[in-house]
Each structure stands twice: as structure tokens, then as C-alpha cells.
C-alpha atoms as a PDB file:
ATOM      1  CA  MET A   1     108.284 -15.803  -2.119  1.00  0.00           C
ATOM      2  CA  ARG A   2     110.729 -17.068  -4.729  1.00  0.00           C
ATOM      3  CA  ALA A   3     110.392 -15.544  -8.186  1.00  0.00           C
ATOM      4  CA  VAL A   4     112.328 -15.255 -11.428  1.00  0.00           C
ATOM      5  CA  THR A   5     112.751 -11.489 -11.806  1.00  0.00           C
ATOM      6  CA  PHE A   6     114.521  -8.926 -13.942  1.00  0.00           C
ATOM      7  CA  THR A   7     115.321  -5.254 -13.373  1.00  0.00           C
ATOM      8  CA  ARG A   8     116.253  -4.313 -16.930  1.00  0.00           C
ATOM      9  CA  VAL A   9     115.317  -5.528 -20.382  1.00  0.00           C
ATOM     10  CA  GLY A  10     117.708  -7.701 -22.335  1.00  0.00           C
ATOM     11  CA  ASP A  11     118.704 -11.262 -23.158  1.00  0.00           C
ATOM     12  CA  PRO A  12     116.856 -13.571 -20.718  1.00  0.00           C
ATOM     13  CA  VAL A  13     119.985 -15.512 -19.772  1.00  0.00           C
ATOM     14  CA  GLY A  14     121.732 -12.270 -18.863  1.00  0.00           C
ATOM     15  CA  VAL A  15     118.996 -10.429 -16.960  1.00  0.00           C
ATOM     16  CA  LEU A  16     116.946 -13.085 -15.139  1.00  0.00           C
ATOM     17  CA  GLU A  17     117.613 -13.805 -11.454  1.00  0.00           C
ATOM     18  CA  ILE A  18     115.912 -15.817  -8.726  1.00  0.00           C
ATOM     19  CA  ASN A  19     115.019 -13.518  -5.828  1.00  0.00           C
ATOM     20  CA  GLU A  20     112.851 -13.369  -2.737  1.00  0.00           C
ATOM     21  CA  ILE A  21     110.113 -10.777  -3.210  1.00  0.00           C
ATOM     22  CA  PRO A  22     106.978  -9.904  -1.208  1.00  0.00           C
ATOM     23  CA  VAL A  23     103.892 -12.055  -1.679  1.00  0.00           C
ATOM     24  CA  PRO A  24     101.395  -9.922  -3.675  1.00  0.00           C
ATOM     25  CA  ALA A  25      97.890  -9.145  -2.434  1.00  0.00           C
ATOM     26  CA  PRO A  26      94.873  -9.367  -4.778  1.00  0.00           C
ATOM     27  CA  LYS A  27      92.788  -6.303  -5.527  1.00  0.00           C
ATOM     28  CA  PRO A  28      89.008  -6.381  -6.070  1.00  0.00           C
ATOM     29  CA  GLY A  29      88.150  -8.760  -8.901  1.00  0.00           C
ATOM     30  CA  GLU A  30      91.477 -10.602  -8.603  1.00  0.00           C
ATOM     31  CA  VAL A  31      92.725 -13.815  -7.041  1.00  0.00           C
ATOM     32  CA  ARG A  32      96.093 -14.928  -5.710  1.00  0.00           C
ATOM     33  CA  ILE A  33      97.218 -18.266  -7.107  1.00  0.00           C
ATOM     34  CA  ARG A  34      99.812 -20.631  -5.660  1.00  0.00           C
ATOM     35  CA  VAL A  35     101.575 -21.613  -8.875  1.00  0.00           C
ATOM     36  CA  GLY A  36     102.215 -25.282  -9.642  1.00  0.00           C
ATOM     37  CA  SER A  37     103.698 -25.171 -13.143  1.00  0.00           C
ATOM     38  CA  SER A  38     104.394 -22.478 -15.722  1.00  0.00           C
ATOM     39  CA  VAL A  39     105.125 -22.816 -19.422  1.00  0.00           C
ATOM     40  CA  ILE A  40     107.742 -20.927 -21.428  1.00  0.00           C
ATOM     41  CA  HIS A  41     106.471 -19.248 -24.609  1.00  0.00           C
ATOM     42  CA  PRO A  42     108.236 -17.045 -27.197  1.00  0.00           C
ATOM     43  CA  ALA A  43     106.175 -14.126 -25.896  1.00  0.00           C
ATOM     44  CA  ASP A  44     107.938 -14.473 -22.543  1.00  0.00           C
ATOM     45  CA  PHE A  45     111.269 -13.719 -24.217  1.00  0.00           C
ATOM     46  CA  LEU A  46     109.796 -10.715 -26.042  1.00  0.00           C
ATOM     47  CA  PHE A  47     108.507  -9.406 -22.708  1.00  0.00           C
ATOM     48  CA  ILE A  48     111.917  -9.796 -21.057  1.00  0.00           C
ATOM     49  CA  ARG A  49     113.577  -8.039 -23.997  1.00  0.00           C
ATOM     50  CA  GLY A  50     111.095  -5.160 -23.761  1.00  0.00           C
ATOM     51  CA  VAL A  51     109.621  -5.619 -27.248  1.00  0.00           C
ATOM     52  CA  TYR A  52     106.280  -7.225 -26.354  1.00  0.00           C
ATOM     53  CA  ARG A  53     102.960  -5.383 -26.466  1.00  0.00           C
ATOM     54  CA  LEU A  54     102.960  -5.415 -22.649  1.00  0.00           C
ATOM     55  CA  LYS A  55     105.880  -3.643 -20.978  1.00  0.00           C
ATOM     56  CA  PRO A  56     107.572  -4.739 -17.726  1.00  0.00           C
ATOM     57  CA  ARG A  57     107.368  -2.755 -14.487  1.00  0.00           C
ATOM     58  CA  PHE A  58     110.595  -3.207 -12.556  1.00  0.00           C
ATOM     59  CA  PRO A  59     111.355  -5.210 -10.593  1.00  0.00           C
ATOM     60  CA  GLN A  60     109.295  -7.546 -12.762  1.00  0.00           C
ATOM     61  CA  ALA A  61     108.605 -11.245 -12.271  1.00  0.00           C
ATOM     62  CA  ALA A  62     108.816 -13.049 -15.616  1.00  0.00           C
ATOM     63  CA  GLY A  63     106.348 -15.400 -17.294  1.00  0.00           C
ATOM     64  CA  PHE A  64     102.665 -15.261 -18.151  1.00  0.00           C
ATOM     65  CA  ASP A  65     101.031 -18.688 -18.282  1.00  0.00           C
ATOM     66  CA  GLY A  66     100.575 -21.470 -15.783  1.00  0.00           C
ATOM     67  CA  VAL A  67      98.358 -23.532 -13.530  1.00  0.00           C
ATOM     68  CA  GLY A  68      97.872 -23.411  -9.791  1.00  0.00           C
ATOM     69  CA  THR A  69      95.454 -23.271  -6.885  1.00  0.00           C
ATOM     70  CA  VAL A  70      93.459 -20.201  -5.843  1.00  0.00           C
ATOM     71  CA  GLU A  71      94.450 -19.454  -2.257  1.00  0.00           C
ATOM     72  CA  THR A  72      93.333 -15.843  -1.633  1.00  0.00           C
ATOM     73  CA  LEU A  73      90.384 -13.864  -2.978  1.00  0.00           C
ATOM     74  CA  GLY A  74      90.143 -10.160  -3.670  1.00  0.00           C
ATOM     75  CA  ALA A  75      87.036  -8.199  -2.736  1.00  0.00           C
ATOM     76  CA  GLY A  76      83.933  -9.191  -4.684  1.00  0.00           C
ATOM     77  CA  VAL A  77      85.231 -12.597  -5.795  1.00  0.00           C
ATOM     78  CA  ASP A  78      82.919 -15.578  -5.301  1.00  0.00           C
ATOM     79  CA  GLU A  79      84.115 -17.899  -2.538  1.00  0.00           C
ATOM     80  CA  HIS A  80      83.521 -20.992  -4.691  1.00  0.00           C
ATOM     81  CA  LEU A  81      86.887 -20.265  -6.363  1.00  0.00           C
ATOM     82  CA  LEU A  82      88.841 -20.730  -3.137  1.00  0.00           C
ATOM     83  CA  GLY A  83      90.971 -23.873  -3.356  1.00  0.00           C
ATOM     84  CA  ARG A  84      90.111 -24.503  -7.002  1.00  0.00           C
ATOM     85  CA  ARG A  85      92.712 -25.444  -9.600  1.00  0.00           C
ATOM     86  CA  VAL A  86      92.871 -22.887 -12.404  1.00  0.00           C
ATOM     87  CA  ALA A  87      94.798 -22.218 -15.574  1.00  0.00           C
ATOM     88  CA  PHE A  88      95.756 -18.566 -15.903  1.00  0.00           C
ATOM     89  CA  ARG A  89      97.507 -15.907 -17.979  1.00  0.00           C
ATOM     90  CA  ALA A  90      98.958 -13.002 -16.017  1.00  0.00           C
ATOM     91  CA  PRO A  91     102.358 -11.291 -15.730  1.00  0.00           C
ATOM     92  CA  GLY A  92     104.632 -12.833 -13.096  1.00  0.00           C
ATOM     93  CA  ALA A  93     103.874 -16.521 -13.614  1.00  0.00           C
ATOM     94  CA  TRP A  94     107.462 -17.665 -12.937  1.00  0.00           C
ATOM     95  CA  ALA A  95     106.973 -17.308  -9.201  1.00  0.00           C
ATOM     96  CA  GLU A  96     105.484 -19.146  -6.241  1.00  0.00           C
ATOM     97  CA  PHE A  97     102.444 -16.854  -6.273  1.00  0.00           C
ATOM     98  CA  VAL A  98     100.802 -14.738  -8.956  1.00  0.00           C
ATOM     99  CA  ILE A  99      97.870 -12.306  -9.089  1.00  0.00           C
ATOM    100  CA  ALA A 100      95.364 -12.829 -11.907  1.00  0.00           C
ATOM    101  CA  PRO A 101      92.077 -11.093 -12.795  1.00  0.00           C
ATOM    102  CA  LEU A 102      88.949 -13.232 -13.004  1.00  0.00           C
ATOM    103  CA  SER A 103      88.823 -12.684 -16.766  1.00  0.00           C
ATOM    104  CA  ARG A 104      92.141 -14.511 -17.201  1.00  0.00           C
ATOM    105  CA  ILE A 105      91.536 -17.651 -15.147  1.00  0.00           C
ATOM    106  CA  HIS A 106      89.899 -20.910 -16.219  1.00  0.00           C
ATOM    107  CA  LEU A 107      88.722 -23.709 -13.927  1.00  0.00           C
ATOM    108  CA  VAL A 108      90.569 -26.934 -14.731  1.00  0.00           C
ATOM    109  CA  PRO A 109      88.343 -30.011 -15.087  1.00  0.00           C
ATOM    110  CA  ASP A 110      89.205 -33.287 -13.378  1.00  0.00           C
ATOM    111  CA  GLY A 111      91.396 -35.572 -15.453  1.00  0.00           C
ATOM    112  CA  ILE A 112      93.498 -32.779 -16.962  1.00  0.00           C
ATOM    113  CA  SER A 113      97.167 -32.839 -15.939  1.00  0.00           C
ATOM    114  CA  ASP A 114      99.094 -29.765 -14.836  1.00  0.00           C
ATOM    115  CA  GLU A 115     101.347 -30.240 -17.887  1.00  0.00           C
ATOM    116  CA  VAL A 116      98.350 -29.735 -20.156  1.00  0.00           C
ATOM    117  CA  ALA A 117      96.483 -27.194 -18.020  1.00  0.00           C
ATOM    118  CA  CYS A 118      99.402 -24.761 -17.719  1.00  0.00           C
ATOM    119  CA  GLN A 119      99.247 -24.255 -21.504  1.00  0.00           C
ATOM    120  CA  PHE A 120      95.488 -23.712 -21.697  1.00  0.00           C
ATOM    121  CA  ALA A 121      95.191 -19.945 -21.410  1.00  0.00           C
ATOM    122  CA  LEU A 122      97.219 -18.907 -24.465  1.00  0.00           C
ATOM    123  CA  ASN A 123      97.754 -21.234 -27.432  1.00  0.00           C
ATOM    124  CA  PRO A 124      94.420 -23.094 -27.355  1.00  0.00           C
ATOM    125  CA  PHE A 125      92.483 -19.821 -27.173  1.00  0.00           C
ATOM    126  CA  THR A 126      94.647 -18.334 -29.918  1.00  0.00           C
ATOM    127  CA  ALA A 127      93.841 -21.285 -32.200  1.00  0.00           C
ATOM    128  CA  TRP A 128      90.135 -21.064 -31.370  1.00  0.00           C
ATOM    129  CA  GLY A 129      90.103 -17.306 -31.870  1.00  0.00           C
ATOM    130  CA  LEU A 130      91.787 -17.529 -35.269  1.00  0.00           C
ATOM    131  CA  LEU A 131      89.095 -19.911 -36.486  1.00  0.00           C
ATOM    132  CA  GLN A 132      86.384 -17.623 -35.134  1.00  0.00           C
ATOM    133  CA  GLU A 133      87.879 -14.596 -36.863  1.00  0.00           C
ATOM    134  CA  ALA A 134      88.284 -16.409 -40.188  1.00  0.00           C
ATOM    135  CA  SER A 135      84.789 -18.000 -40.234  1.00  0.00           C
ATOM    136  CA  VAL A 136      85.947 -20.882 -42.433  1.00  0.00           C
ATOM    137  CA  PRO A 137      82.939 -23.001 -43.463  1.00  0.00           C
ATOM    138  CA  SER A 138      82.823 -26.785 -43.330  1.00  0.00           C
ATOM    139  CA  GLY A 139      84.533 -28.057 -46.472  1.00  0.00           C
ATOM    140  CA  GLY A 140      86.665 -24.902 -46.705  1.00  0.00           C
ATOM    141  CA  ARG A 141      90.430 -24.914 -47.176  1.00  0.00           C
ATOM    142  CA  LEU A 142      92.812 -23.729 -44.449  1.00  0.00           C
ATOM    143  CA  LEU A 143      96.586 -23.217 -44.697  1.00  0.00           C
ATOM    144  CA  LEU A 144      98.701 -23.026 -41.543  1.00  0.00           C
ATOM    145  CA  THR A 145     102.314 -21.889 -41.583  1.00  0.00           C
ATOM    146  CA  ALA A 146     104.775 -22.774 -38.790  1.00  0.00           C
ATOM    147  CA  GLY A 147     103.029 -26.108 -39.066  1.00  0.00           C
ATOM    148  CA  ARG A 148     104.841 -27.793 -36.174  1.00  0.00           C
ATOM    149  CA  SER A 149     103.957 -25.055 -33.684  1.00  0.00           C
ATOM    150  CA  ASN A 150     101.411 -25.718 -30.956  1.00  0.00           C
ATOM    151  CA  VAL A 151      99.013 -23.074 -32.290  1.00  0.00           C
ATOM    152  CA  ALA A 152      99.074 -24.568 -35.796  1.00  0.00           C
ATOM    153  CA  CYS A 153      98.559 -28.099 -34.503  1.00  0.00           C
ATOM    154  CA  LEU A 154      95.713 -27.005 -32.237  1.00  0.00           C
ATOM    155  CA  ALA A 155      94.049 -25.010 -35.021  1.00  0.00           C
ATOM    156  CA  ALA A 156      94.399 -28.015 -37.343  1.00  0.00           C
ATOM    157  CA  ARG A 157      92.727 -30.348 -34.849  1.00  0.00           C
ATOM    158  CA  LEU A 158      89.901 -27.889 -34.179  1.00  0.00           C
ATOM    159  CA  ALA A 159      89.440 -27.328 -37.924  1.00  0.00           C
ATOM    160  CA  GLU A 160      89.328 -31.065 -38.594  1.00  0.00           C
ATOM    161  CA  ARG A 161      86.523 -31.388 -36.047  1.00  0.00           C
ATOM    162  CA  ARG A 162      84.595 -28.761 -38.027  1.00  0.00           C
ATOM    163  CA  GLY A 163      85.043 -30.473 -41.383  1.00  0.00           C
ATOM    164  CA  ILE A 164      87.619 -28.004 -42.676  1.00  0.00           C
ATOM    165  CA  ARG A 165      90.367 -29.235 -45.018  1.00  0.00           C
ATOM    166  CA  VAL A 166      93.776 -28.407 -43.533  1.00  0.00           C
ATOM    167  CA  LEU A 167      97.298 -28.123 -44.910  1.00  0.00           C
ATOM    168  CA  LEU A 168     100.338 -27.264 -42.785  1.00  0.00           C
ATOM    169  CA  ILE A 169     103.677 -25.877 -43.984  1.00  0.00           C
ATOM    170  CA  ALA A 170     106.689 -26.074 -41.666  1.00  0.00           C
ATOM    171  CA  ARG A 171     110.244 -24.795 -41.880  1.00  0.00           C
ATOM    172  CA  SER A 172     113.068 -27.336 -41.467  1.00  0.00           C
ATOM    173  CA  ALA A 173     116.841 -27.320 -41.823  1.00  0.00           C
ATOM    174  CA  ALA A 174     116.444 -28.642 -45.365  1.00  0.00           C
ATOM    175  CA  GLY A 175     113.762 -26.185 -46.458  1.00  0.00           C
ATOM    176  CA  TYR A 176     109.978 -26.293 -46.186  1.00  0.00           C
ATOM    177  CA  ASP A 177     107.917 -29.398 -45.397  1.00  0.00           C
ATOM    178  CA  VAL A 178     104.279 -30.106 -46.056  1.00  0.00           C
ATOM    179  CA  VAL A 179     103.232 -31.741 -42.767  1.00  0.00           C
ATOM    180  CA  ASP A 180     100.213 -33.618 -41.439  1.00  0.00           C
ATOM    181  CA  LEU A 181      98.190 -32.935 -38.297  1.00  0.00           C
ATOM    182  CA  HIS A 182     100.930 -34.499 -36.165  1.00  0.00           C
ATOM    183  CA  GLY A 183     103.791 -32.485 -37.662  1.00  0.00           C
ATOM    184  CA  VAL A 184     105.196 -35.322 -39.788  1.00  0.00           C
ATOM    185  CA  GLY A 185     106.725 -33.921 -42.963  1.00  0.00           C
ATOM    186  CA  ASN A 186     107.193 -35.091 -46.532  1.00  0.00           C
ATOM    187  CA  ALA A 187     110.374 -36.888 -47.558  1.00  0.00           C
ATOM    188  CA  ARG A 188     111.643 -34.168 -49.926  1.00  0.00           C
ATOM    189  CA  PRO A 189     111.430 -30.628 -48.506  1.00  0.00           C
ATOM    190  CA  SER A 190     111.036 -27.678 -50.855  1.00  0.00           C
ATOM    191  CA  THR A 191     113.815 -25.102 -50.985  1.00  0.00           C
ATOM    192  CA  SER A 192     111.475 -22.104 -50.657  1.00  0.00           C
ATOM    193  CA  LEU A 193     108.039 -21.268 -49.336  1.00  0.00           C
ATOM    194  CA  SER A 194     106.849 -20.457 -52.866  1.00  0.00           C
ATOM    195  CA  GLU A 195     108.015 -23.863 -54.116  1.00  0.00           C
ATOM    196  CA  ALA A 196     106.341 -25.650 -51.207  1.00  0.00           C
ATOM    197  CA  LEU A 197     103.073 -23.873 -51.856  1.00  0.00           C
ATOM    198  CA  THR A 198     103.278 -24.537 -55.602  1.00  0.00           C
ATOM    199  CA  SER A 199     103.724 -28.248 -54.917  1.00  0.00           C
ATOM    200  CA  VAL A 200     100.483 -28.355 -52.987  1.00  0.00           C
ATOM    201  CA  GLY A 201      98.337 -28.075 -56.079  1.00  0.00           C
ATOM    202  CA  GLU A 202      95.374 -26.208 -54.527  1.00  0.00           C
ATOM    203  CA  ASP A 203      94.070 -24.682 -57.749  1.00  0.00           C
ATOM    204  CA  LYS A 204      91.255 -22.738 -56.085  1.00  0.00           C
ATOM    205  CA  GLY A 205      93.454 -21.397 -53.326  1.00  0.00           C
ATOM    206  CA  PHE A 206      92.910 -21.345 -49.585  1.00  0.00           C
ATOM    207  CA  ASP A 207      89.854 -19.796 -47.986  1.00  0.00           C
ATOM    208  CA  ALA A 208      91.912 -18.880 -44.915  1.00  0.00           C
ATOM    209  CA  ILE A 209      95.613 -18.681 -44.076  1.00  0.00           C
ATOM    210  CA  PHE A 210      97.011 -18.326 -40.527  1.00  0.00           C
ATOM    211  CA  ASP A 211     100.605 -17.087 -40.327  1.00  0.00           C
ATOM    212  CA  PRO A 212     102.728 -16.232 -37.245  1.00  0.00           C
ATOM    213  CA  VAL A 213     105.807 -15.289 -39.286  1.00  0.00           C
ATOM    214  CA  GLY A 214     105.062 -12.203 -41.383  1.00  0.00           C
ATOM    215  CA  GLY A 215     107.773 -10.590 -43.495  1.00  0.00           C
ATOM    216  CA  PRO A 216     108.428 -11.118 -47.218  1.00  0.00           C
ATOM    217  CA  GLY A 217     106.954 -14.636 -47.166  1.00  0.00           C
ATOM    218  CA  THR A 218     103.551 -12.967 -46.887  1.00  0.00           C
ATOM    219  CA  LEU A 219     103.627 -12.380 -50.652  1.00  0.00           C
ATOM    220  CA  ALA A 220     103.784 -16.120 -51.360  1.00  0.00           C
ATOM    221  CA  LEU A 221     100.832 -16.652 -49.028  1.00  0.00           C
ATOM    222  CA  ILE A 222      98.780 -13.992 -50.794  1.00  0.00           C
ATOM    223  CA  ASP A 223      99.487 -15.772 -54.096  1.00  0.00           C
ATOM    224  CA  VAL A 224      97.800 -18.976 -52.868  1.00  0.00           C
ATOM    225  CA  ALA A 225      94.834 -17.301 -51.158  1.00  0.00           C
ATOM    226  CA  ALA A 226      91.429 -17.868 -52.715  1.00  0.00           C
ATOM    227  CA  VAL A 227      89.375 -15.026 -54.108  1.00  0.00           C
ATOM    228  CA  GLY A 228      87.489 -13.570 -51.159  1.00  0.00           C
ATOM    229  CA  GLY A 229      89.783 -15.360 -48.714  1.00  0.00           C
ATOM    230  CA  VAL A 230      91.297 -14.125 -45.449  1.00  0.00           C
ATOM    231  CA  LEU A 231      94.927 -13.970 -44.349  1.00  0.00           C
ATOM    232  CA  ILE A 232      95.469 -13.542 -40.608  1.00  0.00           C
ATOM    233  CA  THR A 233      98.917 -12.662 -39.305  1.00  0.00           C
ATOM    234  CA  TYR A 234      99.182 -13.494 -35.596  1.00  0.00           C
ATOM    235  CA  GLY A 235     102.925 -13.256 -34.957  1.00  0.00           C
ATOM    236  CA  VAL A 236     106.106 -11.468 -35.985  1.00  0.00           C
ATOM    237  CA  LEU A 237     108.710 -14.253 -36.060  1.00  0.00           C
ATOM    238  CA  GLY A 238     110.062 -12.965 -39.392  1.00  0.00           C
ATOM    239  CA  ASP A 239     108.975  -9.362 -39.157  1.00  0.00           C
ATOM    240  CA  ARG A 240     110.837  -7.528 -41.941  1.00  0.00           C
ATOM    241  CA  PRO A 241     109.702  -4.874 -44.427  1.00  0.00           C
ATOM    242  CA  PHE A 242     108.733  -5.793 -47.976  1.00  0.00           C
ATOM    243  CA  GLU A 243     107.125  -4.146 -50.992  1.00  0.00           C
ATOM    244  CA  MET A 244     103.660  -5.097 -52.162  1.00  0.00           C
ATOM    245  CA  ASN A 245     101.286  -3.824 -54.821  1.00  0.00           C
ATOM    246  CA  ALA A 246      97.769  -3.030 -53.630  1.00  0.00           C
ATOM    247  CA  SER A 247      96.459  -5.056 -56.578  1.00  0.00           C
ATOM    248  CA  ALA A 248      97.642  -8.239 -54.861  1.00  0.00           C
ATOM    249  CA  ILE A 249      94.865  -7.743 -52.317  1.00  0.00           C
ATOM    250  CA  VAL A 250      92.329  -5.742 -54.325  1.00  0.00           C
ATOM    251  CA  TYR A 251      92.023  -8.136 -57.282  1.00  0.00           C
ATOM    252  CA  LYS A 252      91.386 -11.056 -54.945  1.00  0.00           C
ATOM    253  CA  ASN A 253      89.045  -9.180 -52.608  1.00  0.00           C
ATOM    254  CA  LEU A 254      91.387 -10.505 -49.931  1.00  0.00           C
ATOM    255  CA  THR A 255      91.026  -9.573 -46.273  1.00  0.00           C
ATOM    256  CA  TRP A 256      94.364  -9.308 -44.490  1.00  0.00           C
ATOM    257  CA  ARG A 257      94.355  -8.479 -40.809  1.00  0.00           C
ATOM    258  CA  GLY A 258      96.272  -8.967 -37.600  1.00  0.00           C
ATOM    259  CA  PHE A 259      95.203 -11.010 -34.601  1.00  0.00           C
ATOM    260  CA  GLY A 260      96.187 -10.127 -31.032  1.00  0.00           C
ATOM    261  CA  TYR A 261      95.376 -12.469 -28.158  1.00  0.00           C
ATOM    262  CA  ASP A 262      94.749  -9.775 -25.539  1.00  0.00           C
ATOM    263  CA  ARG A 263      92.289  -7.788 -27.601  1.00  0.00           C
ATOM    264  CA  PHE A 264      90.446 -10.939 -28.665  1.00  0.00           C
ATOM    265  CA  MET A 265      90.124 -12.204 -25.092  1.00  0.00           C
ATOM    266  CA  SER A 266      88.983  -8.772 -23.922  1.00  0.00           C
ATOM    267  CA  SER A 267      86.120  -9.003 -26.420  1.00  0.00           C
ATOM    268  CA  LEU A 268      84.734 -12.102 -24.676  1.00  0.00           C
ATOM    269  CA  ASP A 269      82.545 -11.864 -21.589  1.00  0.00           C
ATOM    270  CA  GLU A 270      81.995 -14.777 -19.197  1.00  0.00           C
ATOM    271  CA  ASP A 271      79.065 -16.122 -21.225  1.00  0.00           C
ATOM    272  CA  SER A 272      81.101 -15.953 -24.442  1.00  0.00           C
ATOM    273  CA  LEU A 273      83.859 -18.016 -22.819  1.00  0.00           C
ATOM    274  CA  VAL A 274      81.611 -20.997 -22.093  1.00  0.00           C
ATOM    275  CA  ARG A 275      81.740 -22.464 -25.596  1.00  0.00           C
ATOM    276  CA  PRO A 276      85.504 -22.186 -26.229  1.00  0.00           C
ATOM    277  CA  ARG A 277      86.307 -23.521 -22.765  1.00  0.00           C
ATOM    278  CA  GLU A 278      84.112 -26.574 -23.304  1.00  0.00           C
ATOM    279  CA  GLU A 279      85.460 -27.234 -26.795  1.00  0.00           C
ATOM    280  CA  LEU A 280      89.102 -26.730 -25.847  1.00  0.00           C
ATOM    281  CA  TRP A 281      89.032 -28.776 -22.629  1.00  0.00           C
ATOM    282  CA  ASP A 282      87.333 -31.583 -24.534  1.00  0.00           C
ATOM    283  CA  LEU A 283      89.994 -31.485 -27.241  1.00  0.00           C
ATOM    284  CA  LEU A 284      92.808 -31.592 -24.683  1.00  0.00           C
ATOM    285  CA  ARG A 285      91.135 -34.364 -22.693  1.00  0.00           C
ATOM    286  CA  VAL A 286      90.831 -36.525 -25.798  1.00  0.00           C
ATOM    287  CA  ASP A 287      94.148 -35.477 -27.367  1.00  0.00           C
ATOM    288  CA  PRO A 288      96.655 -34.201 -24.751  1.00  0.00           C
ATOM    289  CA  ASP A 289      99.444 -34.677 -27.307  1.00  0.00           C
ATOM    290  CA  ALA A 290      98.101 -31.549 -28.998  1.00  0.00           C
ATOM    291  CA  VAL A 291     100.147 -29.635 -26.386  1.00  0.00           C
ATOM    292  CA  PRO A 292     103.243 -31.820 -25.869  1.00  0.00           C
ATOM    293  CA  ILE A 293     105.920 -31.217 -23.246  1.00  0.00           C
ATOM    294  CA  ARG A 294     109.591 -31.536 -24.165  1.00  0.00           C
ATOM    295  CA  ALA A 295     111.089 -31.152 -20.684  1.00  0.00           C
ATOM    296  CA  ALA A 296     110.397 -29.726 -17.227  1.00  0.00           C
ATOM    297  CA  TYR A 297     112.807 -27.893 -14.911  1.00  0.00           C
ATOM    298  CA  ALA A 298     112.697 -26.714 -11.320  1.00  0.00           C
ATOM    299  CA  LEU A 299     112.455 -22.973 -10.723  1.00  0.00           C
ATOM    300  CA  GLU A 300     116.114 -22.926  -9.653  1.00  0.00           C
ATOM    301  CA  GLN A 301     117.027 -24.312 -13.089  1.00  0.00           C
ATOM    302  CA  VAL A 302     115.446 -21.421 -14.969  1.00  0.00           C
ATOM    303  CA  GLU A 303     118.629 -20.642 -16.923  1.00  0.00           C
ATOM    304  CA  HIS A 304     118.735 -24.205 -18.277  1.00  0.00           C
ATOM    305  CA  ALA A 305     114.999 -24.026 -19.043  1.00  0.00           C
ATOM    306  CA  VAL A 306     115.384 -20.751 -20.929  1.00  0.00           C
ATOM    307  CA  ARG A 307     118.318 -22.068 -22.945  1.00  0.00           C
ATOM    308  CA  ALA A 308     116.431 -25.247 -23.823  1.00  0.00           C
ATOM    309  CA  SER A 309     113.355 -23.307 -24.934  1.00  0.00           C
ATOM    310  CA  ALA A 310     115.377 -20.840 -27.020  1.00  0.00           C
ATOM    311  CA  ALA A 311     117.294 -23.659 -28.712  1.00  0.00           C
ATOM    312  CA  GLY A 312     114.131 -25.092 -30.239  1.00  0.00           C
ATOM    313  CA  GLY A 313     114.517 -28.534 -31.745  1.00  0.00           C
ATOM    314  CA  ALA A 314     111.962 -31.230 -31.015  1.00  0.00           C
ATOM    315  CA  ARG A 315     108.327 -30.197 -30.774  1.00  0.00           C
ATOM    316  CA  GLY A 316     107.024 -29.526 -27.297  1.00  0.00           C
ATOM    317  CA  LYS A 317     107.117 -26.863 -24.603  1.00  0.00           C
ATOM    318  CA  ILE A 318     109.522 -26.349 -21.729  1.00  0.00           C
ATOM    319  CA  LEU A 319     107.940 -26.118 -18.270  1.00  0.00           C
ATOM    320  CA  LEU A 320     109.000 -24.665 -14.951  1.00  0.00           C
ATOM    321  CA  ARG A 321     107.789 -26.691 -11.957  1.00  0.00           C
ATOM    322  CA  ILE A 322     107.328 -24.318  -9.067  1.00  0.00           C
ATOM    323  CA  ASP A 323     105.502 -26.166  -6.299  1.00  0.00           C
END
């Protein structure tokens, strides 16, 4: 089968190649999926560079997330899955076939496009999990940084459905924007995160703050947290050391913790997945623009796809079409 592989860690453009590799066989509790489309996430680049929480095993097929059709079952897997379209998260998604455990596949309802479904397994569940961990009540106040990211936009839409008041802060070339649920910013960006947060005027502070950046900007977020609030860091886009006094957390009774997708998903059994699947598929059916696509490339164009994804720019994900 064709696959985008790498045999050493490094810059994706320099280490990725398209090769023919053996078609994998599923073990008990696994399925083999014929991949239709895969999505490129920042985590894919971390994995290729060898700095992600999961480490590659060479030769390694790249990618994690996609959508496809179950074509082979491992021992003990119910036959009703055969031929079904599923969203999945599993290493090796940038290939014609991938092996995924049952715990990381999700049946795709009718009426959901591959462009939407290939993004289902990661960002929507991350947004849902953040809200579960924070336990923000209806009427509470939620601040989302990286406000034009898919996770922030998904969390904002889910929060709005629950009656939570949402504010999003996004970085731009001119500074920091206060943006709405659709990523549209204010006319006059602030020059710093602290200034942007000061301009918001939330006197009581935010009951919850979700931040994928980390680094010194964390201090400005702590300043605008409400007493008894929660700050959840779920990414390391700006991971740098900084000094902080314990009193910044103690005097506010603030809870600050990290969120990792894999550990959260491992905490959910099949029954616990019913509710988030229903809520998330419904959101994406009603509002597919919550997970926009910027461009799609054939597998053979992976270098162009990687460059386009790394360049950023307009909101939306880059896809690899594999079938």
C-alpha cells in the first residue's frame, strides 16, 4: 500500500517520503480501515519531529486522524462494523490503510461529509472534554485563547448551547483581537495579551479559561480568572519558562491543570462515549463550518499539503485525499 512514511525524526518536509509498505493486519480488538481522507494537525508535526507524547516506531507512517471504511476485522470484533464508515484516530493515517482499536473509532452518521468526519476524532472531543473538565455552569463566563483555532471555535459553540457566556482572544499580525464565535475580530487589535484582556471589562473574572499556548502569557490569564475559577492548559504552542508566585493561585483558590486528549479518551468507556458522540455529531450536522477546510491535496502532493498547513493563514484545515 502507499503511505507517507519517515525513518528519522526531523522537519516534515525533509523526512517524509511516499513509499510502498505492507498492508497491516488487525489484532484482536482492532479493525483495518481503507482510508478516504486524513486531516493534518499540529500534533502530526510534533510526532514527525519526535517531540509528541507518542513516539514513532520506524519505519513509521505519519498522521493520526481520518475517515474511511472498515474492511477487515480482528478477532472478537462484531461483524456489524464491516463495511461501515468510521472516523478514527490512530498512528499511520496518511496511508491507504490503517489499523485502529475499537476505542478510537466512531461510526459516521448519514449526511456527514468526509471533510467533516475526518476531523471528528480529535478536536471535537478535545473541546467537549475541556468543558467536561471545567464544569462551567449555565450563565458562567468562559475565556478561550487561540480564538480562531478549531478547538476554540468548537468549544465556543458547545458552550453557547449550554448557556455559557464566551469570549475568544486571538493573535493576529497586528496584535491581539477579541473575536466572536466565527473568528471575526475587533477593528483595533491590542498590542499585548494583557491589554486585550484589560479591554474586555470582565470585572468578576472568568470562571474557566482554556489555553493551548502556555508560556509567560499564562500570568495574564491568571490575572483575569475569577476566584475559584479553573485554568486548563491543553497545548504547548508557546511553551517557555516563566516565574510565578504561588500567591497568584492560592489567593484566588484557582485550579490550574493540564488536559491531554489520550488520557481523557482512555477514561471513557463505550457507554460514556454515547453522549459526546450524539452531541458532537449533531453540532457538526447543523454547523459543519465549525470545522472548515482550507484545501485538500492528493497523497502524492503531501509536501505541498504540509507546507500549506505549516504556513497557517486563513482558518481551516488541510486534508489529504487518499482514496
